[in-house]
N, C-alpha and C. Protein backbone atom coordinates (compact mmCIF):
# COMPACT_ATOMS: atom_id res chain seq x y z
N MET A 1 14.62 -28.36 0.33
CA MET A 1 15.79 -27.49 0.44
C MET A 1 15.33 -26.06 0.68
N SER A 2 15.87 -25.42 1.68
CA SER A 2 15.43 -24.08 2.03
C SER A 2 16.29 -23.04 1.33
N ALA A 3 15.70 -21.90 1.08
CA ALA A 3 16.43 -20.79 0.48
C ALA A 3 17.08 -19.99 1.60
N THR A 4 18.40 -19.91 1.58
CA THR A 4 19.12 -19.17 2.61
C THR A 4 19.13 -17.70 2.26
N VAL A 5 18.80 -16.88 3.21
CA VAL A 5 18.72 -15.44 2.99
C VAL A 5 20.12 -14.86 2.97
N PRO A 6 20.50 -14.14 1.91
CA PRO A 6 21.83 -13.54 1.85
C PRO A 6 21.97 -12.41 2.84
N GLN A 7 23.15 -12.28 3.42
CA GLN A 7 23.44 -11.18 4.32
C GLN A 7 24.18 -10.11 3.52
N ARG A 8 23.60 -8.94 3.42
CA ARG A 8 24.22 -7.91 2.61
C ARG A 8 23.92 -6.55 3.19
N ASP A 9 24.76 -5.59 2.85
CA ASP A 9 24.54 -4.22 3.31
C ASP A 9 23.52 -3.54 2.43
N GLU A 10 22.78 -2.60 3.03
CA GLU A 10 21.90 -1.77 2.24
C GLU A 10 22.75 -0.85 1.39
N HIS A 11 22.24 -0.47 0.23
CA HIS A 11 22.99 0.43 -0.61
C HIS A 11 22.08 1.44 -1.26
N SER A 12 22.63 2.60 -1.51
CA SER A 12 21.91 3.66 -2.20
C SER A 12 22.89 4.32 -3.13
N HIS A 13 22.42 4.76 -4.31
CA HIS A 13 23.33 5.23 -5.33
C HIS A 13 23.28 6.73 -5.56
N SER A 14 22.56 7.49 -4.74
CA SER A 14 22.49 8.92 -5.01
C SER A 14 22.20 9.68 -3.74
N THR A 15 22.46 10.97 -3.79
CA THR A 15 22.11 11.87 -2.69
C THR A 15 21.22 12.96 -3.25
N ALA A 16 20.41 13.54 -2.41
CA ALA A 16 19.42 14.52 -2.88
C ALA A 16 20.10 15.76 -3.43
N GLY A 17 19.53 16.32 -4.51
CA GLY A 17 20.02 17.57 -5.06
C GLY A 17 19.64 18.71 -4.15
N GLY A 18 20.38 19.83 -4.28
CA GLY A 18 20.12 20.96 -3.41
C GLY A 18 18.88 21.72 -3.81
N PRO A 19 18.29 22.47 -2.86
CA PRO A 19 17.09 23.26 -3.16
C PRO A 19 17.41 24.45 -4.05
N THR A 20 16.51 24.81 -4.96
CA THR A 20 16.67 25.96 -5.85
C THR A 20 15.48 26.89 -5.66
N PRO A 21 15.73 28.16 -5.28
CA PRO A 21 14.60 29.08 -5.11
C PRO A 21 13.94 29.37 -6.45
N ASP A 22 12.60 29.42 -6.48
CA ASP A 22 11.91 29.81 -7.71
C ASP A 22 11.70 31.32 -7.71
N ALA A 23 10.91 31.83 -8.66
CA ALA A 23 10.74 33.27 -8.80
C ALA A 23 10.14 33.91 -7.56
N GLU A 24 9.41 33.13 -6.78
CA GLU A 24 8.78 33.66 -5.58
C GLU A 24 9.60 33.39 -4.33
N GLY A 25 10.79 32.80 -4.52
CA GLY A 25 11.66 32.54 -3.39
C GLY A 25 11.39 31.24 -2.68
N THR A 26 10.50 30.40 -3.22
CA THR A 26 10.20 29.11 -2.60
C THR A 26 11.22 28.07 -3.03
N ALA A 27 11.79 27.35 -2.08
CA ALA A 27 12.81 26.36 -2.40
C ALA A 27 12.18 25.10 -2.98
N THR A 28 12.71 24.68 -4.13
CA THR A 28 12.28 23.45 -4.77
C THR A 28 13.49 22.54 -4.92
N VAL A 29 13.37 21.30 -4.52
CA VAL A 29 14.48 20.36 -4.62
C VAL A 29 14.43 19.68 -5.97
N HIS A 30 15.60 19.52 -6.59
CA HIS A 30 15.69 18.84 -7.87
C HIS A 30 16.54 17.58 -7.73
N PRO A 31 16.24 16.53 -8.48
CA PRO A 31 17.09 15.34 -8.44
C PRO A 31 18.52 15.70 -8.80
N SER A 32 19.48 14.97 -8.27
CA SER A 32 20.89 15.25 -8.52
C SER A 32 21.18 15.22 -10.01
N SER A 33 21.86 16.23 -10.52
CA SER A 33 22.16 16.29 -11.94
C SER A 33 23.20 15.26 -12.34
N THR A 34 23.93 14.69 -11.38
CA THR A 34 24.97 13.72 -11.69
C THR A 34 24.42 12.31 -11.84
N THR A 35 23.15 12.09 -11.56
CA THR A 35 22.57 10.76 -11.67
C THR A 35 21.71 10.65 -12.91
N ARG A 36 21.78 9.49 -13.55
CA ARG A 36 21.05 9.30 -14.81
C ARG A 36 19.57 9.03 -14.53
N PRO A 37 18.70 9.41 -15.47
CA PRO A 37 17.29 9.01 -15.32
C PRO A 37 17.15 7.51 -15.50
N LEU A 38 16.16 6.93 -14.86
CA LEU A 38 15.98 5.48 -14.90
C LEU A 38 14.64 5.12 -15.53
N ARG A 39 14.64 4.06 -16.33
CA ARG A 39 13.37 3.53 -16.80
C ARG A 39 12.63 2.88 -15.64
N ALA A 40 13.39 2.20 -14.77
CA ALA A 40 12.75 1.53 -13.63
C ALA A 40 13.71 1.45 -12.45
N LEU A 41 13.16 1.65 -11.27
CA LEU A 41 13.86 1.45 -10.01
C LEU A 41 13.15 0.34 -9.26
N VAL A 42 13.89 -0.70 -8.88
CA VAL A 42 13.31 -1.85 -8.18
C VAL A 42 13.91 -1.89 -6.77
N ILE A 43 13.06 -1.93 -5.76
CA ILE A 43 13.51 -1.94 -4.37
C ILE A 43 12.85 -3.10 -3.64
N GLY A 44 13.64 -4.09 -3.26
CA GLY A 44 13.14 -5.18 -2.44
C GLY A 44 13.51 -4.92 -0.99
N TYR A 45 12.53 -4.99 -0.09
CA TYR A 45 12.83 -4.65 1.30
C TYR A 45 12.22 -5.66 2.27
N GLY A 46 12.86 -5.78 3.43
CA GLY A 46 12.41 -6.71 4.46
C GLY A 46 13.57 -7.15 5.32
N SER A 47 13.27 -7.76 6.44
CA SER A 47 14.30 -8.18 7.38
C SER A 47 14.88 -9.54 6.99
N PRO A 48 16.20 -9.67 6.91
CA PRO A 48 16.81 -10.95 6.56
C PRO A 48 16.84 -11.95 7.71
N ILE A 49 16.38 -11.53 8.89
CA ILE A 49 16.42 -12.44 10.04
C ILE A 49 15.02 -12.76 10.56
N ARG A 50 14.00 -12.53 9.72
CA ARG A 50 12.62 -12.83 10.14
C ARG A 50 11.92 -13.71 9.12
N GLY A 51 12.57 -14.79 8.74
CA GLY A 51 11.95 -15.78 7.88
C GLY A 51 11.47 -15.21 6.56
N ASP A 52 10.17 -15.32 6.30
CA ASP A 52 9.61 -14.93 5.01
C ASP A 52 9.62 -13.43 4.77
N ASP A 53 9.90 -12.64 5.79
CA ASP A 53 10.02 -11.20 5.59
C ASP A 53 11.20 -10.87 4.69
N ALA A 54 12.10 -11.83 4.48
CA ALA A 54 13.26 -11.63 3.61
C ALA A 54 12.94 -11.80 2.13
N LEU A 55 11.69 -12.09 1.80
CA LEU A 55 11.32 -12.28 0.39
C LEU A 55 11.74 -11.08 -0.47
N GLY A 56 11.49 -9.88 0.00
CA GLY A 56 11.80 -8.69 -0.80
C GLY A 56 13.26 -8.59 -1.19
N PRO A 57 14.18 -8.56 -0.21
CA PRO A 57 15.60 -8.46 -0.58
C PRO A 57 16.11 -9.69 -1.32
N LEU A 58 15.58 -10.87 -1.02
CA LEU A 58 16.04 -12.07 -1.71
C LEU A 58 15.66 -12.01 -3.19
N VAL A 59 14.42 -11.63 -3.48
CA VAL A 59 13.99 -11.49 -4.88
C VAL A 59 14.80 -10.39 -5.57
N ALA A 60 15.06 -9.29 -4.86
CA ALA A 60 15.86 -8.20 -5.44
C ALA A 60 17.26 -8.68 -5.79
N ASP A 61 17.87 -9.48 -4.93
CA ASP A 61 19.20 -10.01 -5.22
C ASP A 61 19.21 -10.84 -6.50
N GLN A 62 18.21 -11.69 -6.65
CA GLN A 62 18.14 -12.53 -7.85
C GLN A 62 17.87 -11.68 -9.09
N LEU A 63 17.04 -10.67 -8.95
CA LEU A 63 16.78 -9.77 -10.07
C LEU A 63 18.02 -8.97 -10.46
N GLU A 64 18.78 -8.54 -9.46
CA GLU A 64 20.00 -7.78 -9.73
C GLU A 64 20.98 -8.61 -10.55
N THR A 65 21.07 -9.91 -10.25
CA THR A 65 21.94 -10.80 -11.02
C THR A 65 21.50 -10.85 -12.48
N ARG A 66 20.21 -10.95 -12.71
CA ARG A 66 19.69 -10.99 -14.09
C ARG A 66 19.91 -9.67 -14.81
N VAL A 67 19.62 -8.58 -14.13
CA VAL A 67 19.74 -7.27 -14.76
C VAL A 67 21.20 -6.96 -15.09
N SER A 68 22.11 -7.25 -14.19
CA SER A 68 23.53 -6.94 -14.40
C SER A 68 24.12 -7.75 -15.55
N ALA A 69 23.51 -8.88 -15.88
CA ALA A 69 24.00 -9.71 -16.99
C ALA A 69 23.56 -9.17 -18.35
N ASP A 70 22.67 -8.19 -18.35
CA ASP A 70 22.16 -7.61 -19.59
C ASP A 70 22.58 -6.14 -19.65
N PRO A 71 23.62 -5.80 -20.45
CA PRO A 71 24.13 -4.42 -20.46
C PRO A 71 23.07 -3.37 -20.78
N GLU A 72 22.18 -3.67 -21.72
CA GLU A 72 21.14 -2.70 -22.08
C GLU A 72 20.18 -2.47 -20.93
N LEU A 73 19.79 -3.56 -20.26
CA LEU A 73 18.86 -3.45 -19.14
C LEU A 73 19.51 -2.78 -17.94
N SER A 74 20.76 -3.13 -17.67
CA SER A 74 21.44 -2.59 -16.49
C SER A 74 21.68 -1.09 -16.61
N ALA A 75 21.68 -0.56 -17.84
CA ALA A 75 21.85 0.87 -18.04
C ALA A 75 20.57 1.65 -17.74
N GLN A 76 19.45 0.94 -17.67
CA GLN A 76 18.17 1.61 -17.48
C GLN A 76 17.44 1.23 -16.21
N VAL A 77 17.92 0.19 -15.53
CA VAL A 77 17.22 -0.34 -14.35
C VAL A 77 18.18 -0.40 -13.17
N ASP A 78 17.75 0.10 -12.04
CA ASP A 78 18.52 0.04 -10.79
C ASP A 78 17.78 -0.86 -9.81
N VAL A 79 18.46 -1.88 -9.29
CA VAL A 79 17.85 -2.81 -8.33
C VAL A 79 18.55 -2.65 -6.99
N GLN A 80 17.77 -2.45 -5.94
CA GLN A 80 18.32 -2.28 -4.60
C GLN A 80 17.66 -3.25 -3.64
N ALA A 81 18.43 -3.76 -2.68
CA ALA A 81 17.92 -4.59 -1.60
C ALA A 81 18.08 -3.82 -0.30
N ARG A 82 17.01 -3.72 0.48
CA ARG A 82 17.01 -2.91 1.69
C ARG A 82 16.40 -3.67 2.86
N HIS A 83 16.91 -3.41 4.06
CA HIS A 83 16.26 -3.93 5.26
C HIS A 83 15.00 -3.12 5.55
N ILE A 84 15.11 -1.79 5.39
CA ILE A 84 13.99 -0.88 5.63
C ILE A 84 14.03 0.21 4.56
N LEU A 85 12.93 0.93 4.42
CA LEU A 85 12.86 2.05 3.48
C LEU A 85 13.17 3.34 4.23
N THR A 86 14.17 4.07 3.74
CA THR A 86 14.62 5.28 4.43
C THR A 86 14.46 6.51 3.53
N ALA A 87 14.57 7.68 4.15
CA ALA A 87 14.24 8.94 3.48
C ALA A 87 15.12 9.23 2.27
N GLU A 88 16.38 8.79 2.28
CA GLU A 88 17.26 9.14 1.17
C GLU A 88 16.86 8.49 -0.15
N LEU A 89 15.94 7.53 -0.08
CA LEU A 89 15.45 6.90 -1.31
C LEU A 89 14.60 7.85 -2.16
N VAL A 90 14.12 8.93 -1.58
CA VAL A 90 13.23 9.84 -2.30
C VAL A 90 13.89 10.39 -3.56
N ASP A 91 15.18 10.71 -3.50
CA ASP A 91 15.88 11.22 -4.68
C ASP A 91 15.92 10.18 -5.79
N ASP A 92 16.11 8.92 -5.42
CA ASP A 92 16.11 7.85 -6.42
C ASP A 92 14.74 7.71 -7.06
N LEU A 93 13.68 7.81 -6.25
CA LEU A 93 12.32 7.73 -6.79
C LEU A 93 12.07 8.85 -7.80
N ALA A 94 12.59 10.04 -7.50
CA ALA A 94 12.30 11.20 -8.33
C ALA A 94 12.88 11.09 -9.74
N ARG A 95 13.93 10.30 -9.92
CA ARG A 95 14.54 10.20 -11.25
C ARG A 95 14.10 8.95 -12.01
N ALA A 96 13.16 8.20 -11.47
CA ALA A 96 12.70 6.98 -12.13
C ALA A 96 11.35 7.19 -12.81
N GLU A 97 11.18 6.59 -13.98
CA GLU A 97 9.88 6.61 -14.65
C GLU A 97 8.90 5.67 -13.96
N ARG A 98 9.41 4.53 -13.52
CA ARG A 98 8.57 3.52 -12.86
C ARG A 98 9.33 2.96 -11.67
N VAL A 99 8.65 2.80 -10.55
CA VAL A 99 9.24 2.23 -9.34
C VAL A 99 8.47 0.97 -8.97
N ILE A 100 9.21 -0.07 -8.61
CA ILE A 100 8.60 -1.34 -8.22
C ILE A 100 9.15 -1.74 -6.86
N PHE A 101 8.31 -1.75 -5.85
CA PHE A 101 8.68 -2.23 -4.53
C PHE A 101 8.35 -3.72 -4.44
N ILE A 102 9.18 -4.46 -3.71
CA ILE A 102 8.96 -5.90 -3.52
C ILE A 102 8.97 -6.18 -2.03
N ASP A 103 7.94 -6.87 -1.55
CA ASP A 103 7.83 -7.09 -0.11
C ASP A 103 7.03 -8.36 0.17
N ALA A 104 7.20 -8.90 1.37
CA ALA A 104 6.35 -9.98 1.85
C ALA A 104 5.11 -9.36 2.49
N ALA A 105 3.98 -10.07 2.43
CA ALA A 105 2.73 -9.52 2.95
C ALA A 105 2.09 -10.45 3.95
N ALA A 106 1.63 -9.87 5.07
CA ALA A 106 0.93 -10.66 6.08
C ALA A 106 -0.56 -10.76 5.79
N ASN A 107 -1.06 -9.94 4.85
CA ASN A 107 -2.49 -9.91 4.57
C ASN A 107 -2.87 -10.71 3.32
N LEU A 108 -1.93 -11.49 2.80
CA LEU A 108 -2.20 -12.36 1.65
C LEU A 108 -2.06 -13.82 2.07
N PRO A 109 -2.79 -14.73 1.43
CA PRO A 109 -2.58 -16.16 1.71
C PRO A 109 -1.13 -16.54 1.43
N PRO A 110 -0.52 -17.38 2.25
CA PRO A 110 0.88 -17.77 2.05
C PRO A 110 1.14 -18.24 0.62
N GLY A 111 2.15 -17.66 -0.01
CA GLY A 111 2.54 -18.04 -1.35
C GLY A 111 1.84 -17.29 -2.47
N GLU A 112 0.73 -16.59 -2.17
CA GLU A 112 0.00 -15.87 -3.22
C GLU A 112 0.72 -14.58 -3.59
N VAL A 113 0.85 -14.32 -4.89
CA VAL A 113 1.55 -13.14 -5.38
C VAL A 113 0.54 -12.10 -5.86
N SER A 114 0.79 -10.84 -5.50
CA SER A 114 -0.12 -9.75 -5.85
C SER A 114 0.65 -8.60 -6.47
N ARG A 115 0.00 -7.87 -7.39
CA ARG A 115 0.55 -6.66 -7.99
C ARG A 115 -0.42 -5.52 -7.71
N GLN A 116 0.06 -4.47 -7.04
CA GLN A 116 -0.82 -3.38 -6.61
C GLN A 116 -0.22 -2.03 -6.98
N ARG A 117 -1.03 -1.17 -7.58
CA ARG A 117 -0.60 0.19 -7.91
C ARG A 117 -0.62 1.04 -6.64
N LEU A 118 0.42 1.84 -6.43
CA LEU A 118 0.52 2.67 -5.23
C LEU A 118 0.39 4.14 -5.57
N ALA A 119 -0.19 4.89 -4.64
CA ALA A 119 -0.32 6.35 -4.75
C ALA A 119 0.25 6.98 -3.48
N PRO A 120 0.63 8.26 -3.55
CA PRO A 120 1.16 8.93 -2.36
C PRO A 120 0.16 8.95 -1.21
N ASP A 121 0.69 8.87 0.00
CA ASP A 121 -0.13 8.98 1.21
C ASP A 121 0.15 10.36 1.80
N ALA A 122 -0.72 11.30 1.54
CA ALA A 122 -0.49 12.68 1.96
C ALA A 122 -0.36 12.84 3.46
N SER A 123 -0.97 11.95 4.24
CA SER A 123 -0.89 12.06 5.70
C SER A 123 0.51 11.84 6.21
N ALA A 124 1.40 11.29 5.37
CA ALA A 124 2.76 11.01 5.81
C ALA A 124 3.65 12.24 5.82
N LEU A 125 3.17 13.36 5.31
CA LEU A 125 4.01 14.55 5.20
C LEU A 125 4.34 15.17 6.55
N SER A 126 3.70 14.74 7.61
CA SER A 126 3.94 15.34 8.93
C SER A 126 5.12 14.71 9.65
N THR A 127 5.70 13.66 9.10
CA THR A 127 6.78 12.97 9.81
C THR A 127 7.88 12.55 8.86
N MET A 128 9.11 12.48 9.35
CA MET A 128 10.24 12.02 8.54
C MET A 128 11.07 11.10 9.42
N ALA A 129 10.55 9.92 9.68
CA ALA A 129 11.20 8.97 10.59
C ALA A 129 12.32 8.23 9.87
N HIS A 130 12.92 7.25 10.57
CA HIS A 130 14.04 6.50 10.00
C HIS A 130 13.58 5.43 9.02
N PHE A 131 12.33 5.05 9.05
CA PHE A 131 11.84 4.07 8.09
C PHE A 131 10.42 4.42 7.68
N HIS A 132 10.04 3.98 6.47
CA HIS A 132 8.80 4.46 5.86
C HIS A 132 8.07 3.36 5.11
N ASP A 133 6.80 3.63 4.87
CA ASP A 133 5.98 2.87 3.95
C ASP A 133 6.24 3.44 2.54
N PRO A 134 6.14 2.62 1.47
CA PRO A 134 6.37 3.15 0.12
C PRO A 134 5.51 4.38 -0.19
N ARG A 135 4.26 4.39 0.27
CA ARG A 135 3.38 5.52 -0.03
C ARG A 135 3.83 6.80 0.66
N GLU A 136 4.49 6.66 1.80
CA GLU A 136 5.05 7.84 2.47
C GLU A 136 6.18 8.43 1.64
N LEU A 137 7.04 7.56 1.10
CA LEU A 137 8.14 8.05 0.26
C LEU A 137 7.59 8.74 -0.99
N LEU A 138 6.52 8.22 -1.55
CA LEU A 138 5.90 8.86 -2.71
C LEU A 138 5.36 10.24 -2.35
N ALA A 139 4.80 10.37 -1.15
CA ALA A 139 4.29 11.66 -0.70
C ALA A 139 5.42 12.68 -0.59
N TRP A 140 6.56 12.25 -0.07
CA TRP A 140 7.70 13.16 0.03
C TRP A 140 8.26 13.48 -1.35
N CYS A 141 8.25 12.51 -2.25
CA CYS A 141 8.69 12.75 -3.62
C CYS A 141 7.81 13.81 -4.28
N GLN A 142 6.52 13.70 -4.07
CA GLN A 142 5.58 14.67 -4.63
C GLN A 142 5.80 16.06 -4.03
N ALA A 143 6.03 16.12 -2.73
CA ALA A 143 6.20 17.40 -2.05
C ALA A 143 7.52 18.08 -2.42
N LEU A 144 8.58 17.29 -2.54
CA LEU A 144 9.91 17.87 -2.78
C LEU A 144 10.23 18.07 -4.25
N TYR A 145 9.74 17.18 -5.10
CA TYR A 145 10.11 17.21 -6.52
C TYR A 145 8.94 17.50 -7.46
N GLN A 146 7.74 17.61 -6.91
CA GLN A 146 6.55 17.89 -7.71
C GLN A 146 6.31 16.84 -8.80
N ARG A 147 6.67 15.62 -8.54
CA ARG A 147 6.38 14.54 -9.47
C ARG A 147 6.28 13.23 -8.70
N VAL A 148 5.52 12.29 -9.24
CA VAL A 148 5.39 10.96 -8.64
C VAL A 148 5.54 9.93 -9.76
N PRO A 149 6.51 9.04 -9.66
CA PRO A 149 6.66 8.01 -10.70
C PRO A 149 5.53 7.00 -10.63
N GLU A 150 5.27 6.34 -11.74
CA GLU A 150 4.33 5.21 -11.72
C GLU A 150 4.91 4.17 -10.77
N THR A 151 4.16 3.78 -9.76
CA THR A 151 4.71 2.94 -8.69
C THR A 151 3.85 1.72 -8.43
N TRP A 152 4.53 0.59 -8.24
CA TRP A 152 3.86 -0.69 -8.01
C TRP A 152 4.45 -1.40 -6.80
N LEU A 153 3.63 -2.19 -6.16
CA LEU A 153 4.08 -3.08 -5.09
C LEU A 153 3.81 -4.52 -5.53
N VAL A 154 4.87 -5.30 -5.65
CA VAL A 154 4.74 -6.74 -5.91
C VAL A 154 4.99 -7.44 -4.58
N SER A 155 4.00 -8.14 -4.09
CA SER A 155 4.11 -8.78 -2.78
C SER A 155 3.65 -10.22 -2.84
N ALA A 156 4.03 -10.98 -1.82
CA ALA A 156 3.60 -12.38 -1.71
C ALA A 156 3.35 -12.69 -0.25
N GLY A 157 2.34 -13.50 0.00
CA GLY A 157 2.02 -13.88 1.37
C GLY A 157 3.09 -14.77 1.98
N GLY A 158 3.43 -14.48 3.23
CA GLY A 158 4.41 -15.29 3.94
C GLY A 158 3.74 -16.22 4.94
N ALA A 159 4.50 -17.21 5.41
CA ALA A 159 3.96 -18.19 6.36
C ALA A 159 4.71 -18.19 7.68
N ASP A 160 5.98 -17.77 7.67
CA ASP A 160 6.81 -17.84 8.87
C ASP A 160 7.52 -16.51 9.06
N TRP A 161 7.24 -15.85 10.20
CA TRP A 161 7.81 -14.53 10.47
C TRP A 161 8.69 -14.55 11.72
N GLY A 162 9.15 -15.71 12.12
CA GLY A 162 9.90 -15.84 13.36
C GLY A 162 11.23 -15.10 13.36
N TYR A 163 11.61 -14.59 14.53
CA TYR A 163 12.90 -13.92 14.67
C TYR A 163 14.03 -14.93 14.60
N ALA A 164 15.21 -14.46 14.20
CA ALA A 164 16.42 -15.28 14.09
C ALA A 164 16.22 -16.46 13.16
N CYS A 165 15.37 -16.29 12.16
CA CYS A 165 15.14 -17.32 11.15
C CYS A 165 15.73 -16.81 9.84
N TYR A 166 16.73 -17.52 9.32
CA TYR A 166 17.47 -17.04 8.16
C TYR A 166 17.11 -17.78 6.87
N ALA A 167 15.98 -18.46 6.85
CA ALA A 167 15.57 -19.20 5.65
C ALA A 167 14.09 -18.98 5.39
N LEU A 168 13.73 -19.02 4.11
CA LEU A 168 12.32 -18.91 3.74
C LEU A 168 11.59 -20.22 4.00
N SER A 169 10.31 -20.11 4.30
CA SER A 169 9.48 -21.31 4.40
C SER A 169 9.32 -21.91 3.00
N GLU A 170 8.94 -23.17 2.94
CA GLU A 170 8.73 -23.81 1.65
C GLU A 170 7.65 -23.09 0.85
N THR A 171 6.63 -22.61 1.54
CA THR A 171 5.55 -21.89 0.86
C THR A 171 6.06 -20.60 0.23
N ALA A 172 6.87 -19.86 0.96
CA ALA A 172 7.41 -18.60 0.42
C ALA A 172 8.35 -18.85 -0.74
N GLN A 173 9.08 -19.95 -0.69
CA GLN A 173 9.99 -20.28 -1.79
C GLN A 173 9.25 -20.41 -3.11
N THR A 174 8.02 -20.93 -3.05
CA THR A 174 7.26 -21.10 -4.29
C THR A 174 6.86 -19.77 -4.92
N ALA A 175 6.92 -18.69 -4.14
CA ALA A 175 6.53 -17.37 -4.65
C ALA A 175 7.68 -16.63 -5.31
N VAL A 176 8.92 -17.08 -5.12
CA VAL A 176 10.08 -16.34 -5.62
C VAL A 176 10.05 -16.21 -7.14
N ALA A 177 9.91 -17.32 -7.84
CA ALA A 177 9.92 -17.27 -9.32
C ALA A 177 8.77 -16.44 -9.88
N PRO A 178 7.52 -16.60 -9.37
CA PRO A 178 6.44 -15.74 -9.87
C PRO A 178 6.66 -14.25 -9.58
N MET A 179 7.27 -13.94 -8.44
CA MET A 179 7.54 -12.53 -8.12
C MET A 179 8.57 -11.95 -9.10
N ILE A 180 9.61 -12.72 -9.39
CA ILE A 180 10.62 -12.27 -10.35
C ILE A 180 9.97 -12.03 -11.71
N ALA A 181 9.13 -12.97 -12.14
CA ALA A 181 8.45 -12.83 -13.43
C ALA A 181 7.55 -11.60 -13.45
N GLU A 182 6.88 -11.34 -12.34
CA GLU A 182 5.99 -10.17 -12.25
C GLU A 182 6.78 -8.88 -12.37
N VAL A 183 7.90 -8.79 -11.68
CA VAL A 183 8.72 -7.58 -11.73
C VAL A 183 9.30 -7.38 -13.12
N LEU A 184 9.82 -8.44 -13.73
CA LEU A 184 10.37 -8.32 -15.08
C LEU A 184 9.30 -7.88 -16.07
N SER A 185 8.08 -8.37 -15.87
CA SER A 185 6.97 -7.95 -16.72
C SER A 185 6.67 -6.47 -16.55
N LEU A 186 6.69 -5.98 -15.32
CA LEU A 186 6.43 -4.57 -15.06
C LEU A 186 7.54 -3.68 -15.62
N ILE A 187 8.78 -4.14 -15.55
CA ILE A 187 9.89 -3.35 -16.07
C ILE A 187 9.70 -3.06 -17.56
N GLY A 188 9.22 -4.06 -18.29
CA GLY A 188 9.08 -3.89 -19.73
C GLY A 188 7.70 -3.52 -20.20
N ALA A 189 6.76 -3.33 -19.28
CA ALA A 189 5.37 -3.10 -19.67
C ALA A 189 5.11 -1.65 -20.05
N GLU A 190 4.05 -1.46 -20.82
CA GLU A 190 3.57 -0.13 -21.15
C GLU A 190 2.78 0.42 -19.96
N PRO A 191 2.53 1.74 -19.91
CA PRO A 191 1.73 2.31 -18.81
C PRO A 191 0.31 1.74 -18.77
N ASP A 192 -0.40 2.05 -17.69
CA ASP A 192 -1.79 1.63 -17.49
C ASP A 192 -1.95 0.12 -17.39
N ILE A 193 -1.10 -0.48 -16.56
CA ILE A 193 -1.16 -1.92 -16.32
C ILE A 193 -2.28 -2.18 -15.31
N PRO A 194 -3.06 -3.25 -15.48
CA PRO A 194 -4.11 -3.54 -14.51
C PRO A 194 -3.57 -3.95 -13.16
N ASP A 195 -4.30 -3.62 -12.13
CA ASP A 195 -3.96 -3.94 -10.74
C ASP A 195 -4.51 -5.31 -10.40
N THR A 196 -3.70 -6.16 -9.74
CA THR A 196 -4.18 -7.47 -9.30
C THR A 196 -4.22 -7.58 -7.79
N GLY A 197 -4.03 -6.45 -7.10
CA GLY A 197 -3.96 -6.46 -5.64
C GLY A 197 -5.31 -6.66 -5.00
N PRO A 198 -5.31 -6.90 -3.67
CA PRO A 198 -6.57 -7.11 -2.94
C PRO A 198 -7.42 -5.86 -2.88
């Protein structure tokens, strides 16, 4: 039985706060005061029409169901499913203590799950395109808000990346439950978690 990829709109829950000049007149952007701080922000991303590339949003959808069923957890954790990573996510990153990205990986054996700590990619500061790598968003978060949340990438190797494919391969399906368990573990974990990435 194949896992059918849900068709859903991307969503974002905040807009960037306005710049505030400091004593020297330099503009510093602050997270929106109307948004609550988060213990964890979870973002699953990938294309829903490219087979196993849909692992990220599919896992995010299942996690969102679990989180929303727990009032205490849902007050502290925001789960988003995205086709691509866009610039407006930077404000969300700035108000989170921990960020967990979820994605399918072409550089891992099919079905293998990895947990990798991410750091800002300073070279990304020269561009602000319509879609980004997680490390680029962290670089912008650092530049605009002078802070970087503890950030992780939970990924799993895919087997089928074909266009117009709306279902996961059997191999990718086996990674869904371990990915969910990994993310839930990170949400509740203390800092300084070991890296299991390549």
